[in-house]
Amino acid sequence: MRIWIVNYYTGTPETVANPRYIQFARRFMDAGYDVVTFNSSLSAKTQEEQTAKGQLFLERSYGDHKFVHVNAPAYKGNGLARMKSIFSFAWSIYKHGKEFDRPDVILHNIHTPFDYPIVWAAKKLNAKYVAEAWDAWPDVFVHLGLVLRSNPAFKFFELVEKKLYQNADQIVFTILGMKERIRNKGWSTETGGKVDLKRVHYINNGVDLEAFDKDREAWPRKDADLHDPKTLKIVYLGSVNKANHVHTLIEAAKLLQDLNYYRFFIYGDGADREELERKVKDESITNVVFKEKRIPLCECAWVVSQANVNIMNYQKGFGYMGVSSGKLFQYLAAGKPIVCNVNIAYDDVITDNHLGIARDIETPEAFAQAIRDLAEQPRASYDAMCERVRKCAERFDFKKLAAEEIEILETACKG
């Protein structure tokens, strides 16, 4: 069976941020399948090279990982230029897909409606089509109050999403609540629609535990802050954008300044980082340290393993369908308690397995108290919690998840 993994954002083994498809490709190949990953030249960091040579496609191997980098227009921000770039990527695959060895199945990480041409490409190539979604886009924008449900653009995006699911041979969601969302919208066969829920599956993101453990030992950082045994280390790793609400975390840190053994370390970049760095400086918040905007994935394992508490931070309402954030699984592998400042409505592994705190935390005072509740609990209960966190990570090991994904791909091909 030949599998095409199609995702605009998938990095190469050298540039990857979220390793899901690199991990899946590795295990698909180990199972005997021929795998080719299509990604954008921007994600592969080959856009300048391809443009200079007038190349629409660049076939390149990284070890035994085979890639096709699709030249996609550069963009800044999250506006129309980004949407155009994603559409251009998908349209090129649709128009020129026959130039490559035909796939038996296309596994497509969807960004509706912009890459809908991949559905047409699957039909054109007579390949089975498996749609995989990592969030409740575009519904999440309505839920967070950023757009009205009556907005014509939202209605169009939702219509395209519905049609995509109808055309998929199998559907995979990384958040559990999406199956109920399909039912509630009347899209399922049991509620009068055309989407058979037997074709809908839940496989969350995950972590390669073996690789994580090796990276933790192989890539320690020469960072005096994280080596300091006298401090309680609170770590946030991820984007620093409006949706991540890091402002509240900093306000919580400010309340703990008098306890000089607490230090907060923020790794990541985003639109809010510069403003928050100014806030920390202007208000003399001495226990918050902004670290690198980006560190290699292999070094993340050591960083999150040094924390006494790891932080998941979002705008209220973010977890209403579940959470598939990549950092969650890094945190699980690290085996340290987790504070999440939003309620997770489906598959709340933190609360269900007593791994920390996950609830709507409304104020900096409550956030600070939640952190203290975990960091200052008796040593025996803290150690037991750490053991539970690490044990829970086994449920999301990529070896297990890839086996589930293979079963879905094979079911699609037999259908």
Protein backbone atom coordinates (compact mmCIF):
# COMPACT_ATOMS: atom_id res chain seq x y z
CA MET A 1 0.00 0.00 0.00
CA ARG A 2 1.29 3.45 -0.91
CA ILE A 3 0.34 6.22 1.52
CA TRP A 4 0.51 9.92 0.84
CA ILE A 5 0.64 12.04 3.98
CA VAL A 6 -0.52 15.51 2.93
CA ASN A 7 -0.08 18.36 5.41
CA TYR A 8 0.93 21.90 4.53
CA TYR A 9 2.66 22.30 7.91
CA THR A 10 4.55 19.03 8.34
CA GLY A 11 8.21 19.72 8.87
CA THR A 12 11.03 17.50 7.70
CA PRO A 13 12.85 15.37 10.29
CA GLU A 14 15.20 18.35 10.58
CA THR A 15 12.58 21.13 10.88
CA VAL A 16 9.67 19.33 12.55
CA ALA A 17 7.80 21.05 15.40
CA ASN A 18 4.88 18.63 15.85
CA PRO A 19 6.32 15.16 15.17
CA ARG A 20 3.03 13.30 14.61
CA TYR A 21 3.43 12.60 10.89
CA ILE A 22 7.16 11.97 11.06
CA GLN A 23 6.41 9.41 13.77
CA PHE A 24 3.54 7.89 11.80
CA ALA A 25 5.57 7.75 8.59
CA ARG A 26 8.37 5.95 10.42
CA ARG A 27 6.00 3.33 11.76
CA PHE A 28 4.04 3.00 8.51
CA MET A 29 7.33 2.23 6.77
CA ASP A 30 8.30 -0.25 9.49
CA ALA A 31 4.99 -2.01 8.77
CA GLY A 32 5.97 -2.35 5.10
CA TYR A 33 4.12 0.55 3.50
CA ASP A 34 5.51 2.99 0.94
CA VAL A 35 5.10 6.50 2.37
CA VAL A 36 5.50 9.90 0.73
CA THR A 37 4.89 13.13 2.65
CA PHE A 38 3.70 16.24 0.80
CA ASN A 39 4.35 19.50 2.63
CA SER A 40 4.82 23.15 1.80
CA SER A 41 8.19 24.55 0.80
CA LEU A 42 7.76 27.01 3.68
CA SER A 43 7.51 24.23 6.26
CA ALA A 44 10.47 22.48 4.65
CA LYS A 45 12.41 25.77 4.48
CA THR A 46 13.07 25.22 0.75
CA GLN A 47 10.83 27.97 -0.64
CA GLU A 48 13.68 30.29 -1.58
CA GLU A 49 15.62 27.45 -3.20
CA GLN A 50 12.62 26.23 -5.19
CA THR A 51 11.63 29.71 -6.31
CA ALA A 52 15.16 30.46 -7.51
CA LYS A 53 15.13 27.30 -9.62
CA GLY A 54 11.54 27.72 -10.81
CA GLN A 55 10.54 24.44 -9.16
CA LEU A 56 6.93 23.75 -8.23
CA PHE A 57 7.89 20.44 -6.61
CA LEU A 58 11.10 19.31 -4.97
CA GLU A 59 11.45 15.60 -4.23
CA ARG A 60 13.91 15.03 -1.44
CA SER A 61 14.72 12.19 0.95
CA TYR A 62 15.80 12.52 4.56
CA GLY A 63 17.18 9.12 5.40
CA ASP A 64 14.38 6.85 4.26
CA HIS A 65 11.69 9.53 4.71
CA LYS A 66 10.50 10.57 1.24
CA PHE A 67 9.14 14.10 0.81
CA VAL A 68 7.64 16.21 -1.92
CA HIS A 69 7.99 19.90 -1.07
CA VAL A 70 5.33 21.96 -2.83
CA ASN A 71 6.33 25.55 -3.61
CA ALA A 72 3.89 27.73 -1.68
CA PRO A 73 3.71 31.55 -1.61
CA ALA A 74 5.27 33.19 1.42
CA TYR A 75 3.03 35.09 3.83
CA LYS A 76 3.04 36.96 7.12
CA GLY A 77 0.41 36.76 9.84
CA ASN A 78 -2.91 34.93 9.67
CA GLY A 79 -4.70 36.84 6.92
CA LEU A 80 -5.63 36.24 3.32
CA ALA A 81 -2.05 35.62 2.22
CA ARG A 82 -1.86 32.58 4.51
CA MET A 83 -5.15 31.22 3.17
CA LYS A 84 -3.96 31.76 -0.41
CA SER A 85 -0.71 29.90 0.34
CA ILE A 86 -2.56 26.86 1.72
CA PHE A 87 -4.94 26.85 -1.26
CA SER A 88 -2.03 27.12 -3.70
CA PHE A 89 -0.38 24.13 -2.04
CA ALA A 90 -3.52 22.01 -2.35
CA TRP A 91 -4.32 23.17 -5.88
CA SER A 92 -0.84 22.23 -7.11
CA ILE A 93 -1.25 18.70 -5.77
CA TYR A 94 -4.69 18.43 -7.41
CA LYS A 95 -3.44 19.68 -10.78
CA HIS A 96 -0.20 17.72 -10.88
CA GLY A 97 -0.80 14.70 -8.65
CA LYS A 98 -0.66 12.31 -11.60
CA GLU A 99 3.00 13.17 -12.07
CA PHE A 100 3.81 11.03 -9.04
CA ASP A 101 3.31 7.32 -8.31
CA ARG A 102 -0.38 6.89 -7.52
CA PRO A 103 -1.26 6.48 -3.84
CA ASP A 104 -3.68 3.88 -2.54
CA VAL A 105 -4.73 6.23 0.24
CA ILE A 106 -4.23 9.89 1.10
CA LEU A 107 -4.00 10.83 4.78
CA HIS A 108 -4.80 14.54 4.81
CA ASN A 109 -4.40 16.93 7.73
CA ILE A 110 -7.23 19.31 6.84
CA HIS A 111 -7.33 23.11 6.93
CA THR A 112 -10.81 23.68 5.56
CA PRO A 113 -11.83 25.23 3.31
CA PHE A 114 -8.45 26.26 1.93
CA ASP A 115 -7.07 22.82 1.06
CA TYR A 116 -10.31 21.20 -0.13
CA PRO A 117 -8.68 20.45 -3.55
CA ILE A 118 -6.99 17.48 -1.85
CA VAL A 119 -10.44 15.82 -1.82
CA TRP A 120 -10.60 16.33 -5.59
CA ALA A 121 -7.05 15.02 -5.94
CA ALA A 122 -8.00 11.76 -4.19
CA LYS A 123 -10.93 11.28 -6.58
CA LYS A 124 -8.79 12.14 -9.59
CA LEU A 125 -6.17 9.59 -8.51
CA ASN A 126 -8.77 6.96 -7.56
CA ALA A 127 -7.30 6.87 -4.06
CA LYS A 128 -9.05 6.43 -0.75
CA TYR A 129 -9.27 9.60 1.31
CA VAL A 130 -8.76 9.81 5.08
CA ALA A 131 -9.35 13.24 6.63
CA GLU A 132 -7.62 14.10 9.88
CA ALA A 133 -8.51 17.19 11.93
CA TRP A 134 -6.66 18.52 14.96
CA ASP A 135 -9.20 21.09 16.11
CA ALA A 136 -12.82 22.25 15.81
CA TRP A 137 -11.98 24.90 13.22
CA PRO A 138 -13.90 27.01 12.21
CA ASP A 139 -16.38 26.41 15.07
CA VAL A 140 -13.83 27.40 17.70
CA PHE A 141 -13.93 31.04 16.53
CA VAL A 142 -17.65 31.23 17.26
CA HIS A 143 -17.17 29.54 20.62
CA LEU A 144 -14.48 32.04 21.63
CA GLY A 145 -16.64 34.95 20.52
CA LEU A 146 -14.36 36.02 17.67
CA VAL A 147 -17.00 35.70 14.93
CA LEU A 148 -20.78 35.41 14.74
CA ARG A 149 -22.37 32.17 13.63
CA SER A 150 -24.43 34.23 11.16
CA ASN A 151 -21.26 35.48 9.45
CA PRO A 152 -21.44 34.47 5.74
CA ALA A 153 -17.77 33.45 5.69
CA PHE A 154 -18.31 31.18 8.70
CA LYS A 155 -21.35 29.59 7.06
CA PHE A 156 -19.34 28.91 3.90
CA PHE A 157 -16.40 27.42 5.84
CA GLU A 158 -18.78 25.17 7.77
CA LEU A 159 -20.50 24.03 4.57
CA VAL A 160 -17.15 23.06 3.05
CA GLU A 161 -16.18 21.22 6.25
CA LYS A 162 -19.43 19.26 6.15
CA LYS A 163 -18.92 18.33 2.50
CA LEU A 164 -15.35 17.23 3.19
CA TYR A 165 -16.49 14.85 5.93
CA GLN A 166 -19.18 13.47 3.64
CA ASN A 167 -16.56 12.65 1.01
CA ALA A 168 -14.06 11.06 3.39
CA ASP A 169 -13.71 7.29 3.50
CA GLN A 170 -12.56 7.56 7.11
CA ILE A 171 -12.21 10.50 9.50
CA VAL A 172 -9.74 10.89 12.37
CA PHE A 173 -10.03 13.55 15.06
CA THR A 174 -7.40 14.30 17.68
CA ILE A 175 -10.07 15.72 20.01
CA LEU A 176 -12.77 13.43 21.34
CA GLY A 177 -15.69 15.86 21.27
CA MET A 178 -15.78 16.14 17.48
CA LYS A 179 -17.90 13.02 17.06
CA GLU A 180 -20.60 14.56 19.23
CA ARG A 181 -20.22 17.84 17.31
CA ILE A 182 -21.02 16.04 14.05
CA ARG A 183 -24.04 14.47 15.68
CA ASN A 184 -25.25 17.76 17.17
CA LYS A 185 -24.99 19.56 13.84
CA GLY A 186 -27.21 16.96 12.20
CA TRP A 187 -24.42 15.76 9.91
CA SER A 188 -24.45 12.13 11.09
CA THR A 189 -26.60 9.45 9.48
CA GLU A 190 -28.38 8.89 12.78
CA THR A 191 -29.46 12.56 12.83
CA GLY A 192 -30.45 12.78 9.16
CA GLY A 193 -27.06 13.60 7.64
CA LYS A 194 -24.59 11.66 5.50
CA VAL A 195 -21.64 11.06 7.83
CA ASP A 196 -21.58 7.51 9.24
CA LEU A 197 -20.11 7.77 12.73
CA LYS A 198 -18.64 4.29 12.30
CA ARG A 199 -16.16 6.04 10.00
CA VAL A 200 -15.23 8.60 12.68
CA HIS A 201 -12.32 7.86 15.02
CA TYR A 202 -10.42 9.52 17.87
CA ILE A 203 -6.62 9.33 17.96
CA ASN A 204 -5.07 12.13 19.97
CA ASN A 205 -1.55 13.46 19.54
CA GLY A 206 1.21 11.67 21.38
CA VAL A 207 4.86 11.21 22.20
CA ASP A 208 7.64 8.77 21.39
CA LEU A 209 8.57 7.74 24.92
CA GLU A 210 11.74 5.94 23.90
CA ALA A 211 12.97 8.96 21.93
CA PHE A 212 11.91 11.34 24.71
CA ASP A 213 13.96 9.46 27.29
CA LYS A 214 16.99 9.34 25.00
CA ASP A 215 16.71 13.05 24.22
CA ARG A 216 16.41 13.95 27.89
CA GLU A 217 19.73 12.26 28.59
CA ALA A 218 21.48 13.28 25.36
CA TRP A 219 20.48 16.96 25.19
CA PRO A 220 20.83 18.61 28.63
CA ARG A 221 21.09 22.39 28.47
CA LYS A 222 23.77 24.51 30.08
CA ASP A 223 21.21 26.65 31.85
CA ALA A 224 21.99 27.71 35.40
CA ASP A 225 18.34 28.63 36.01
CA LEU A 226 17.09 25.13 35.39
CA HIS A 227 19.99 23.53 37.27
CA ASP A 228 19.31 25.59 40.40
CA PRO A 229 18.20 23.17 43.16
CA LYS A 230 16.93 25.99 45.39
CA THR A 231 14.01 27.04 43.17
CA LEU A 232 10.63 25.66 42.27
CA LYS A 233 10.61 25.75 38.49
CA ILE A 234 7.33 26.49 36.69
CA VAL A 235 7.65 25.91 32.94
CA TYR A 236 5.47 27.06 30.06
CA LEU A 237 6.45 25.74 26.63
CA GLY A 238 4.47 26.84 23.58
CA SER A 239 2.99 29.71 21.62
CA VAL A 240 2.63 33.16 23.17
CA ASN A 241 -0.50 34.36 21.41
CA LYS A 242 -3.89 35.67 22.48
CA ALA A 243 -5.37 32.16 22.59
CA ASN A 244 -2.69 31.08 25.08
CA HIS A 245 -3.49 33.78 27.65
CA VAL A 246 0.07 33.87 29.03
CA HIS A 247 -0.75 37.27 30.53
CA THR A 248 -2.69 35.55 33.32
CA LEU A 249 0.24 33.25 34.08
CA ILE A 250 2.53 36.24 34.45
CA GLU A 251 0.04 37.94 36.77
CA ALA A 252 0.00 34.75 38.86
CA ALA A 253 3.81 34.74 38.96
CA LYS A 254 3.77 38.36 40.13
CA LEU A 255 1.69 37.32 43.15
CA LEU A 256 4.37 34.78 44.11
CA GLN A 257 7.34 37.17 43.94
CA ASP A 258 7.61 37.35 47.71
CA LEU A 259 8.21 33.60 47.74
CA ASN A 260 11.66 33.88 46.19
CA TYR A 261 11.94 30.15 45.58
CA TYR A 262 9.39 30.30 42.70
CA ARG A 263 10.65 31.01 39.18
CA PHE A 264 8.62 30.94 35.97
CA PHE A 265 10.26 30.08 32.64
CA ILE A 266 8.51 30.82 29.35
CA TYR A 267 9.72 29.18 26.14
CA GLY A 268 8.07 30.09 22.85
CA ASP A 269 7.12 32.89 20.53
CA GLY A 270 4.02 34.62 19.27
CA ALA A 271 2.30 37.93 18.70
CA ASP A 272 2.03 38.67 22.45
CA ARG A 273 5.60 37.90 23.47
CA GLU A 274 7.11 41.36 22.94
CA GLU A 275 4.29 43.05 24.86
CA LEU A 276 4.58 40.59 27.73
CA GLU A 277 8.35 40.98 27.90
CA ARG A 278 7.80 44.73 28.28
CA LYS A 279 5.25 44.09 31.00
CA VAL A 280 7.70 41.95 32.96
CA LYS A 281 10.40 44.60 32.64
CA ASP A 282 8.18 47.63 33.32
CA GLU A 283 6.55 46.06 36.37
CA SER A 284 9.81 44.59 37.69
CA ILE A 285 8.43 41.05 37.81
CA THR A 286 11.66 39.39 38.83
CA ASN A 287 10.55 35.77 38.95
CA VAL A 288 9.54 35.49 35.26
CA VAL A 289 12.23 34.66 32.72
CA PHE A 290 11.55 34.62 28.99
CA LYS A 291 13.77 31.96 27.46
CA GLU A 292 14.35 31.18 23.78
CA LYS A 293 11.64 31.76 21.22
CA ARG A 294 12.36 28.35 19.79
CA ILE A 295 14.48 25.43 20.91
CA PRO A 296 15.13 22.18 19.02
CA LEU A 297 12.50 19.51 19.67
CA CYS A 298 15.18 17.17 21.00
CA GLU A 299 15.99 19.68 23.79
CA CYS A 300 12.39 20.08 24.94
CA ALA A 301 12.49 16.75 26.77
CA TRP A 302 15.18 17.92 29.18
CA VAL A 303 13.54 21.32 29.73
CA VAL A 304 10.09 20.03 30.71
CA SER A 305 11.69 17.31 32.84
CA GLN A 306 13.39 19.97 35.00
CA ALA A 307 10.06 21.56 35.94
CA ASN A 308 8.38 21.08 39.28
CA VAL A 309 5.11 21.99 37.56
CA ASN A 310 4.41 22.30 33.83
CA ILE A 311 1.79 24.77 32.58
CA MET A 312 -0.89 24.53 29.89
CA ASN A 313 -2.40 27.94 29.31
CA TYR A 314 -5.33 28.91 27.09
CA GLN A 315 -8.11 31.39 26.61
CA LYS A 316 -11.27 30.29 28.43
CA GLY A 317 -13.34 27.92 26.32
CA PHE A 318 -10.39 26.53 24.37
CA GLY A 319 -10.83 22.96 25.60
CA TYR A 320 -14.56 22.67 24.99
CA MET A 321 -14.10 19.80 22.49
CA GLY A 322 -10.96 18.36 24.09
CA VAL A 323 -7.26 19.17 23.84
CA SER A 324 -4.63 17.79 21.46
CA SER A 325 -1.85 20.24 22.25
CA GLY A 326 1.58 18.81 21.50
CA LYS A 327 3.01 20.10 24.76
CA LEU A 328 0.54 18.06 26.81
CA PHE A 329 2.23 14.85 25.72
CA GLN A 330 5.71 16.25 26.31
CA TYR A 331 4.52 17.12 29.81
CA LEU A 332 3.12 13.62 30.34
CA ALA A 333 6.40 12.05 29.29
CA ALA A 334 8.26 14.37 31.67
CA GLY A 335 6.34 12.88 34.58
CA LYS A 336 5.65 16.14 36.39
CA PRO A 337 2.32 17.60 37.64
CA ILE A 338 0.38 19.80 35.21
CA VAL A 339 -1.76 22.89 35.72
CA CYS A 340 -4.19 23.68 32.91
CA ASN A 341 -6.21 26.88 33.31
CA VAL A 342 -9.25 25.74 31.31
CA ASN A 343 -11.83 23.04 31.72
CA ILE A 344 -11.24 20.15 29.30
CA ALA A 345 -14.64 18.83 28.31
CA TYR A 346 -13.65 15.50 26.71
CA ASP A 347 -10.92 13.03 27.62
CA ASP A 348 -9.53 15.19 30.40
CA VAL A 349 -6.52 13.02 31.15
CA ILE A 350 -5.28 15.48 33.78
CA THR A 351 -8.37 15.40 35.98
CA ASP A 352 -9.47 11.83 35.21
CA ASN A 353 -6.08 10.41 36.18
CA HIS A 354 -5.27 12.83 39.04
CA LEU A 355 -2.24 14.29 37.24
CA GLY A 356 -2.70 17.86 38.41
CA ILE A 357 -5.35 20.54 37.96
CA ALA A 358 -7.46 21.29 34.87
CA ARG A 359 -10.35 23.66 35.39
CA ASP A 360 -11.47 27.16 34.46
CA ILE A 361 -9.11 29.28 36.53
CA GLU A 362 -10.59 32.76 36.42
CA THR A 363 -8.09 34.92 38.33
CA PRO A 364 -4.33 35.25 38.83
CA GLU A 365 -4.92 34.55 42.53
CA ALA A 366 -6.58 31.22 41.75
CA PHE A 367 -3.86 30.39 39.22
CA ALA A 368 -1.12 31.07 41.76
CA GLN A 369 -2.90 28.94 44.35
CA ALA A 370 -3.31 26.05 41.91
CA ILE A 371 0.42 26.09 41.20
CA ARG A 372 1.20 26.14 44.90
CA ASP A 373 -1.23 23.30 45.60
CA LEU A 374 0.77 21.05 43.28
CA ALA A 375 4.30 22.29 43.90
CA GLU A 376 4.03 22.33 47.71
CA GLN A 377 2.07 19.14 48.30
CA PRO A 378 3.69 16.57 50.61
CA ARG A 379 6.64 14.81 49.01
CA ALA A 380 4.99 11.40 48.98
CA SER A 381 1.87 12.62 47.19
CA TYR A 382 3.98 14.72 44.78
CA ASP A 383 6.10 11.69 43.85
CA ALA A 384 2.97 9.52 43.42
CA MET A 385 1.49 12.16 41.12
CA CYS A 386 4.67 12.21 39.05
CA GLU A 387 4.45 8.45 38.65
CA ARG A 388 0.83 8.71 37.49
CA VAL A 389 1.72 11.40 34.95
CA ARG A 390 4.44 9.27 33.39
CA LYS A 391 2.26 6.15 33.42
CA CYS A 392 -0.49 8.01 31.57
CA ALA A 393 1.98 8.89 28.81
CA GLU A 394 2.07 5.22 27.81
CA ARG A 395 -1.51 5.55 26.56
CA PHE A 396 -0.29 8.10 24.01
CA ASP A 397 2.94 6.49 22.86
CA PHE A 398 3.24 6.87 19.08
CA LYS A 399 3.85 3.14 18.73
CA LYS A 400 0.32 2.54 19.99
CA LEU A 401 -1.25 5.44 18.10
CA ALA A 402 0.39 4.50 14.78
CA ALA A 403 -0.99 0.97 15.05
CA GLU A 404 -4.48 2.43 15.46
CA GLU A 405 -3.95 4.74 12.48
CA ILE A 406 -2.75 1.86 10.28
CA GLU A 407 -5.92 -0.05 11.07
CA ILE A 408 -8.00 2.93 9.91
CA LEU A 409 -6.00 3.30 6.67
CA GLU A 410 -6.37 -0.40 5.93
CA THR A 411 -10.12 -0.22 6.62
CA ALA A 412 -10.39 2.68 4.15
CA CYS A 413 -8.58 0.70 1.46
CA LYS A 414 -10.80 -2.34 1.98
CA GLY A 415 -13.98 -0.27 1.82
